[in-house]
Amino acid sequence: MTLPMLRRPQTRLLRRWDPFSELEDLYDEMSRIMERFTGDMPIVPPADIEETDDAFIIEMDVPGVKREDLTVEVRDSQLHVRGEVKEREAKGVWRRKSRPSGTFDYLVSVPGDVDPDKVEASLHEGVLDVRLGKAEHAKPRQIEIKS
């Protein structure tokens, strides 16, 4: 006689839905699909996005890219960074070449309104720092509780 196996109930972790993350995943997947058609390896610079009380801060690794080869634009709550990684001229024969070269586009939406007068960008040691200041009405405000 065999005994029936007891099954443990499955538990799922609940995650907060982040539509902006899903849009970025979609953008990455579209880049991979385009790569299959063109055969080119798209350049996608790694970037970190941090939100503070008064701004969104984007740090993007762009080693070897000069300031004049970068364009930063902000429209509404979208940041668009375009740039070019120029191919280094070889002094000998390439035995291996795995560093990408060419142009790139980086587009990200932030979850809030941006004040266009409070946008700053700087490039230092291969890291592009973009600070998108939040619009006044988008900043969190603490509400006093009255009794």
C-alpha atoms as a PDB file:
ATOM      1  CA  MET A   1       0.000   0.000   0.000  1.00  0.00           C
ATOM      2  CA  THR A   2       1.452   3.388  -0.983  1.00  0.00           C
ATOM      3  CA  LEU A   3       0.772   6.487   0.962  1.00  0.00           C
ATOM      4  CA  PRO A   4      -0.236   9.666  -0.860  1.00  0.00           C
ATOM      5  CA  MET A   5       2.486  12.320  -0.960  1.00  0.00           C
ATOM      6  CA  LEU A   6       1.762  15.499   0.906  1.00  0.00           C
ATOM      7  CA  ARG A   7       2.345  18.651  -1.120  1.00  0.00           C
ATOM      8  CA  ARG A   8       3.500  21.865   0.420  1.00  0.00           C
ATOM      9  CA  PRO A   9       1.487  24.897  -0.591  1.00  0.00           C
ATOM     10  CA  GLN A  10       3.355  27.111  -3.019  1.00  0.00           C
ATOM     11  CA  THR A  11       4.003  30.625  -1.918  1.00  0.00           C
ATOM     12  CA  ARG A  12       4.722  33.502  -4.228  1.00  0.00           C
ATOM     13  CA  LEU A  13       6.569  36.645  -3.392  1.00  0.00           C
ATOM     14  CA  LEU A  14       4.518  39.732  -3.997  1.00  0.00           C
ATOM     15  CA  ARG A  15       6.285  42.451  -5.934  1.00  0.00           C
ATOM     16  CA  ARG A  16       5.195  45.968  -6.583  1.00  0.00           C
ATOM     17  CA  TRP A  17       4.399  46.479 -10.264  1.00  0.00           C
ATOM     18  CA  ASP A  18       6.830  48.862 -11.924  1.00  0.00           C
ATOM     19  CA  PRO A  19       5.643  49.885 -15.417  1.00  0.00           C
ATOM     20  CA  PHE A  20       8.864  51.811 -16.085  1.00  0.00           C
ATOM     21  CA  SER A  21      10.950  48.712 -15.488  1.00  0.00           C
ATOM     22  CA  GLU A  22       8.761  46.781 -17.905  1.00  0.00           C
ATOM     23  CA  LEU A  23       9.188  49.505 -20.547  1.00  0.00           C
ATOM     24  CA  GLU A  24      12.955  49.348 -20.141  1.00  0.00           C
ATOM     25  CA  ASP A  25      12.820  45.553 -20.507  1.00  0.00           C
ATOM     26  CA  LEU A  26      10.774  46.000 -23.681  1.00  0.00           C
ATOM     27  CA  TYR A  27      13.308  48.523 -25.016  1.00  0.00           C
ATOM     28  CA  ASP A  28      16.146  46.051 -24.311  1.00  0.00           C
ATOM     29  CA  GLU A  29      14.263  43.234 -26.025  1.00  0.00           C
ATOM     30  CA  MET A  30      13.586  45.426 -29.088  1.00  0.00           C
ATOM     31  CA  SER A  31      17.327  46.172 -29.245  1.00  0.00           C
ATOM     32  CA  ARG A  32      18.081  42.434 -29.249  1.00  0.00           C
ATOM     33  CA  ILE A  33      15.530  41.853 -32.033  1.00  0.00           C
ATOM     34  CA  MET A  34      17.060  44.650 -34.122  1.00  0.00           C
ATOM     35  CA  GLU A  35      20.495  43.130 -33.550  1.00  0.00           C
ATOM     36  CA  ARG A  36      19.314  39.876 -35.137  1.00  0.00           C
ATOM     37  CA  PHE A  37      18.184  41.744 -38.260  1.00  0.00           C
ATOM     38  CA  THR A  38      21.174  44.041 -38.612  1.00  0.00           C
ATOM     39  CA  GLY A  39      23.867  41.718 -37.312  1.00  0.00           C
ATOM     40  CA  ASP A  40      25.373  44.611 -35.368  1.00  0.00           C
ATOM     41  CA  MET A  41      25.982  44.476 -31.676  1.00  0.00           C
ATOM     42  CA  PRO A  42      24.104  47.387 -30.128  1.00  0.00           C
ATOM     43  CA  ILE A  43      25.885  49.437 -27.527  1.00  0.00           C
ATOM     44  CA  VAL A  44      23.908  49.734 -24.315  1.00  0.00           C
ATOM     45  CA  PRO A  45      25.852  51.664 -21.698  1.00  0.00           C
ATOM     46  CA  PRO A  46      25.201  50.471 -18.146  1.00  0.00           C
ATOM     47  CA  ALA A  47      23.389  53.038 -16.027  1.00  0.00           C
ATOM     48  CA  ASP A  48      22.110  53.459 -12.492  1.00  0.00           C
ATOM     49  CA  ILE A  49      19.041  55.555 -11.680  1.00  0.00           C
ATOM     50  CA  GLU A  50      18.561  56.926  -8.176  1.00  0.00           C
ATOM     51  CA  GLU A  51      15.630  58.936  -6.863  1.00  0.00           C
ATOM     52  CA  THR A  52      16.092  61.477  -4.072  1.00  0.00           C
ATOM     53  CA  ASP A  53      13.544  63.870  -2.596  1.00  0.00           C
ATOM     54  CA  ASP A  54      14.377  66.591  -5.104  1.00  0.00           C
ATOM     55  CA  ALA A  55      15.850  64.842  -8.167  1.00  0.00           C
ATOM     56  CA  PHE A  56      16.410  61.756 -10.295  1.00  0.00           C
ATOM     57  CA  ILE A  57      20.120  61.021 -10.711  1.00  0.00           C
ATOM     58  CA  ILE A  58      21.364  58.931 -13.628  1.00  0.00           C
ATOM     59  CA  GLU A  59      24.959  57.673 -13.708  1.00  0.00           C
ATOM     60  CA  MET A  60      25.988  56.112 -17.009  1.00  0.00           C
ATOM     61  CA  ASP A  61      29.297  54.435 -17.847  1.00  0.00           C
ATOM     62  CA  VAL A  62      30.657  55.799 -21.122  1.00  0.00           C
ATOM     63  CA  PRO A  63      34.401  55.034 -21.008  1.00  0.00           C
ATOM     64  CA  GLY A  64      36.421  56.607 -23.782  1.00  0.00           C
ATOM     65  CA  VAL A  65      33.574  58.836 -24.975  1.00  0.00           C
ATOM     66  CA  LYS A  66      34.382  62.536 -25.219  1.00  0.00           C
ATOM     67  CA  ARG A  67      32.007  65.272 -24.088  1.00  0.00           C
ATOM     68  CA  GLU A  68      31.570  66.543 -27.647  1.00  0.00           C
ATOM     69  CA  ASP A  69      30.436  63.052 -28.731  1.00  0.00           C
ATOM     70  CA  LEU A  70      27.488  63.047 -26.297  1.00  0.00           C
ATOM     71  CA  THR A  71      24.046  64.654 -26.556  1.00  0.00           C
ATOM     72  CA  VAL A  72      21.692  64.856 -23.576  1.00  0.00           C
ATOM     73  CA  GLU A  73      18.047  65.849 -24.087  1.00  0.00           C
ATOM     74  CA  VAL A  74      15.115  65.973 -21.697  1.00  0.00           C
ATOM     75  CA  ARG A  75      11.497  66.074 -22.812  1.00  0.00           C
ATOM     76  CA  ASP A  76       8.780  65.888 -20.166  1.00  0.00           C
ATOM     77  CA  SER A  77       9.901  62.994 -17.973  1.00  0.00           C
ATOM     78  CA  GLN A  78      12.129  61.287 -20.551  1.00  0.00           C
ATOM     79  CA  LEU A  79      15.908  61.405 -20.725  1.00  0.00           C
ATOM     80  CA  HIS A  80      17.528  60.681 -24.080  1.00  0.00           C
ATOM     81  CA  VAL A  81      21.304  60.265 -24.280  1.00  0.00           C
ATOM     82  CA  ARG A  82      22.976  59.768 -27.658  1.00  0.00           C
ATOM     83  CA  GLY A  83      26.647  59.167 -28.100  1.00  0.00           C
ATOM     84  CA  GLU A  84      29.387  57.584 -30.111  1.00  0.00           C
ATOM     85  CA  VAL A  85      32.120  55.205 -29.074  1.00  0.00           C
ATOM     86  CA  LYS A  86      34.803  55.781 -31.681  1.00  0.00           C
ATOM     87  CA  GLU A  87      36.892  52.867 -32.849  1.00  0.00           C
ATOM     88  CA  ARG A  88      40.533  53.148 -31.938  1.00  0.00           C
ATOM     89  CA  GLU A  89      42.946  52.939 -34.840  1.00  0.00           C
ATOM     90  CA  ALA A  90      45.062  49.795 -34.696  1.00  0.00           C
ATOM     91  CA  LYS A  91      48.831  50.129 -34.859  1.00  0.00           C
ATOM     92  CA  GLY A  92      49.173  46.434 -35.631  1.00  0.00           C
ATOM     93  CA  VAL A  93      46.936  43.527 -36.562  1.00  0.00           C
ATOM     94  CA  TRP A  94      43.823  42.912 -34.458  1.00  0.00           C
ATOM     95  CA  ARG A  95      44.066  39.470 -32.847  1.00  0.00           C
ATOM     96  CA  ARG A  96      40.924  39.958 -30.814  1.00  0.00           C
ATOM     97  CA  LYS A  97      38.461  42.833 -30.820  1.00  0.00           C
ATOM     98  CA  SER A  98      35.574  42.650 -28.379  1.00  0.00           C
ATOM     99  CA  ARG A  99      35.049  46.266 -27.304  1.00  0.00           C
ATOM    100  CA  PRO A 100      32.041  47.733 -29.111  1.00  0.00           C
ATOM    101  CA  SER A 101      32.214  50.851 -31.218  1.00  0.00           C
ATOM    102  CA  GLY A 102      29.563  52.913 -32.940  1.00  0.00           C
ATOM    103  CA  THR A 103      26.632  55.031 -31.872  1.00  0.00           C
ATOM    104  CA  PHE A 104      24.229  54.387 -29.035  1.00  0.00           C
ATOM    105  CA  ASP A 105      20.876  55.702 -27.863  1.00  0.00           C
ATOM    106  CA  TYR A 106      19.771  55.484 -24.243  1.00  0.00           C
ATOM    107  CA  LEU A 107      16.186  56.398 -23.464  1.00  0.00           C
ATOM    108  CA  VAL A 108      14.610  56.251 -20.017  1.00  0.00           C
ATOM    109  CA  SER A 109      11.420  57.596 -18.469  1.00  0.00           C
ATOM    110  CA  VAL A 110      11.404  58.662 -14.850  1.00  0.00           C
ATOM    111  CA  PRO A 111       8.245  58.333 -12.734  1.00  0.00           C
ATOM    112  CA  GLY A 112       7.618  62.013 -12.102  1.00  0.00           C
ATOM    113  CA  ASP A 113       7.693  65.497 -13.581  1.00  0.00           C
ATOM    114  CA  VAL A 114      11.058  67.092 -14.288  1.00  0.00           C
ATOM    115  CA  ASP A 115      11.810  70.814 -14.099  1.00  0.00           C
ATOM    116  CA  PRO A 116      13.757  71.557 -17.307  1.00  0.00           C
ATOM    117  CA  ASP A 117      15.517  74.474 -15.593  1.00  0.00           C
ATOM    118  CA  LYS A 118      16.952  72.091 -12.992  1.00  0.00           C
ATOM    119  CA  VAL A 119      18.695  69.636 -15.329  1.00  0.00           C
ATOM    120  CA  GLU A 120      22.470  69.300 -15.103  1.00  0.00           C
ATOM    121  CA  ALA A 121      24.930  66.954 -16.809  1.00  0.00           C
ATOM    122  CA  SER A 122      28.639  66.377 -16.228  1.00  0.00           C
ATOM    123  CA  LEU A 123      31.234  63.914 -17.509  1.00  0.00           C
ATOM    124  CA  HIS A 124      34.101  62.817 -15.293  1.00  0.00           C
ATOM    125  CA  GLU A 125      36.434  59.819 -15.715  1.00  0.00           C
ATOM    126  CA  GLY A 126      34.107  58.008 -18.127  1.00  0.00           C
ATOM    127  CA  VAL A 127      30.943  58.462 -16.059  1.00  0.00           C
ATOM    128  CA  LEU A 128      28.126  60.704 -17.284  1.00  0.00           C
ATOM    129  CA  ASP A 129      26.125  62.138 -14.367  1.00  0.00           C
ATOM    130  CA  VAL A 130      22.726  63.597 -15.217  1.00  0.00           C
ATOM    131  CA  ARG A 131      20.656  65.234 -12.489  1.00  0.00           C
ATOM    132  CA  LEU A 132      16.992  65.766 -13.326  1.00  0.00           C
ATOM    133  CA  GLY A 133      15.511  68.161 -10.771  1.00  0.00           C
ATOM    134  CA  LYS A 134      11.919  67.386  -9.846  1.00  0.00           C
ATOM    135  CA  ALA A 135       9.181  69.910 -10.522  1.00  0.00           C
ATOM    136  CA  GLU A 136       7.891  71.577  -7.345  1.00  0.00           C
ATOM    137  CA  HIS A 137       4.506  69.831  -7.475  1.00  0.00           C
ATOM    138  CA  ALA A 138       6.222  66.432  -7.872  1.00  0.00           C
ATOM    139  CA  LYS A 139       8.292  66.700  -4.684  1.00  0.00           C
ATOM    140  CA  PRO A 140       7.003  64.816  -1.657  1.00  0.00           C
ATOM    141  CA  ARG A 141       5.450  67.011   0.972  1.00  0.00           C
ATOM    142  CA  GLN A 142       4.916  66.078   4.591  1.00  0.00           C
ATOM    143  CA  ILE A 143       1.395  66.796   5.804  1.00  0.00           C
ATOM    144  CA  GLU A 144       0.794  67.879   9.386  1.00  0.00           C
ATOM    145  CA  ILE A 145      -1.777  65.768  11.180  1.00  0.00           C
ATOM    146  CA  LYS A 146      -4.201  67.847  13.191  1.00  0.00           C
ATOM    147  CA  SER A 147      -6.063  66.569  16.197  1.00  0.00           C
END
